[in-house]
Every structure is written in C-alpha cells, then in structure tokens.
Amino acid sequence: MATTSIDEGAPLIFHPSRAPTKIDSRTQFQKKLAVWFILLAVGFERLAFYSLAGNLVLFLTSHAIGWTALHSVSASFFFFGKIVD
C-alpha cells in the first residue's frame, strides 16, 4: 500500500490528469431513470415536510391542544426556521 503524505503543502484539489478515471457504463435510459428517481424522492420529501407543517397548525388549534391561531402559526414558523416578531 502506498503511503501518502498529508501536510500543509498537499493540494486539496488534485489535477484532473492525476485523478483516477471511472468509466460510466450505464445506458442513457438508466441515467435518465436515476435523475427521475432523485427528483421524485426530493418531491416526496418536500410534500411530507409541508404536509407536516400544515398539519401542525391544524393540530395545535384543535380542541385537544387549544392553542390560539397566532401561537400555532408561530410554532409552525419556528418549525420552518423563520423568526416571528
């Protein structure tokens, strides 16, 4: 096994001519299918997040919890990561 020296003088980004080459043997259909799966997964993730945030407001204003609309929307914004004054 070759030893490599990692010190302050070692480059963080290597020159492309020294990078190992890896041949992509996927077909064009497989590449497009992979892109669609990624987009579908991101879309479902967004759908789940916004559904959860919407249901949070509905749950907090229900009779079980009884928060006011202002407090439940503030909690939803806190969930989103937004600052409410």
Protein backbone atom coordinates (compact mmCIF):
# COMPACT_ATOMS: atom_id res chain seq x y z
CA MET A 1 0.00 0.00 0.00
CA ALA A 2 1.45 3.34 -0.99
CA THR A 3 1.83 5.93 1.69
CA THR A 4 0.74 9.46 1.00
CA SER A 5 1.90 12.44 2.94
CA ILE A 6 -0.85 14.76 4.02
CA ASP A 7 0.58 18.02 5.23
CA GLU A 8 0.11 21.73 4.77
CA GLY A 9 1.69 21.59 1.32
CA ALA A 10 -0.60 18.85 -0.04
CA PRO A 11 -3.15 20.19 -2.55
CA LEU A 12 -6.80 19.93 -1.60
CA ILE A 13 -7.93 19.70 -5.21
CA PHE A 14 -5.92 17.40 -7.41
CA HIS A 15 -5.23 17.98 -11.06
CA PRO A 16 -7.72 16.10 -13.31
CA SER A 17 -4.94 14.29 -15.13
CA ARG A 18 -3.94 12.59 -11.87
CA ALA A 19 -7.48 11.67 -10.86
CA PRO A 20 -8.44 8.02 -11.32
CA THR A 21 -10.77 7.54 -14.27
CA LYS A 22 -14.00 5.65 -13.79
CA ILE A 23 -15.97 4.69 -16.86
CA ASP A 24 -19.73 5.16 -16.64
CA SER A 25 -21.19 2.02 -18.14
CA ARG A 26 -24.85 2.94 -17.61
CA THR A 27 -27.15 3.29 -20.57
CA GLN A 28 -28.85 6.58 -21.41
CA PHE A 29 -32.15 5.18 -20.08
CA GLN A 30 -30.54 4.24 -16.75
CA LYS A 31 -29.08 7.75 -16.39
CA LYS A 32 -32.44 9.39 -17.05
CA LEU A 33 -34.16 6.95 -14.71
CA ALA A 34 -31.70 7.82 -11.94
CA VAL A 35 -32.40 11.53 -12.42
CA TRP A 36 -36.15 10.93 -12.25
CA PHE A 37 -35.80 8.86 -9.07
CA ILE A 38 -33.82 11.65 -7.43
CA LEU A 39 -36.39 14.27 -8.45
CA LEU A 40 -39.22 12.04 -7.26
CA ALA A 41 -37.54 11.48 -3.88
CA VAL A 42 -36.97 15.22 -3.41
CA GLY A 43 -40.58 15.93 -4.38
CA PHE A 44 -41.91 13.41 -1.87
CA GLU A 45 -39.63 14.85 0.80
CA ARG A 46 -41.00 18.36 0.17
CA LEU A 47 -44.56 17.03 0.17
CA ALA A 48 -44.02 15.32 3.51
CA PHE A 49 -42.42 18.42 5.05
CA TYR A 50 -45.15 20.84 4.01
CA SER A 51 -47.89 18.35 4.93
CA LEU A 52 -46.37 18.01 8.38
CA ALA A 53 -46.10 21.78 8.79
CA GLY A 54 -49.72 22.28 7.72
CA ASN A 55 -50.97 19.55 9.98
CA LEU A 56 -49.01 21.08 12.85
CA VAL A 57 -51.13 24.23 12.66
CA LEU A 58 -54.34 22.23 12.44
CA PHE A 59 -53.37 20.02 15.36
CA LEU A 60 -52.32 22.88 17.62
CA THR A 61 -55.56 24.78 17.02
CA SER A 62 -57.71 21.69 17.65
CA HIS A 63 -59.68 21.18 20.86
CA ALA A 64 -57.09 18.67 22.12
CA ILE A 65 -54.38 21.33 22.43
CA GLY A 66 -56.41 24.54 22.23
CA TRP A 67 -53.73 26.99 21.15
CA THR A 68 -54.73 30.25 19.53
CA ALA A 69 -54.21 30.65 15.80
CA LEU A 70 -51.38 33.13 16.39
CA HIS A 71 -49.48 30.75 18.67
CA SER A 72 -49.93 27.75 16.39
CA VAL A 73 -48.76 29.67 13.32
CA SER A 74 -45.78 30.94 15.33
CA ALA A 75 -44.93 27.34 16.23
CA SER A 76 -45.22 26.40 12.57
CA PHE A 77 -42.87 29.23 11.60
CA PHE A 78 -40.47 28.06 14.29
CA PHE A 79 -40.64 24.62 12.68
CA PHE A 80 -39.82 26.25 9.32
CA GLY A 81 -36.91 28.06 10.91
CA LYS A 82 -38.30 31.54 10.38
CA ILE A 83 -38.21 34.27 13.01
CA VAL A 84 -41.56 35.72 14.03
CA ASP A 85 -41.79 39.11 15.74
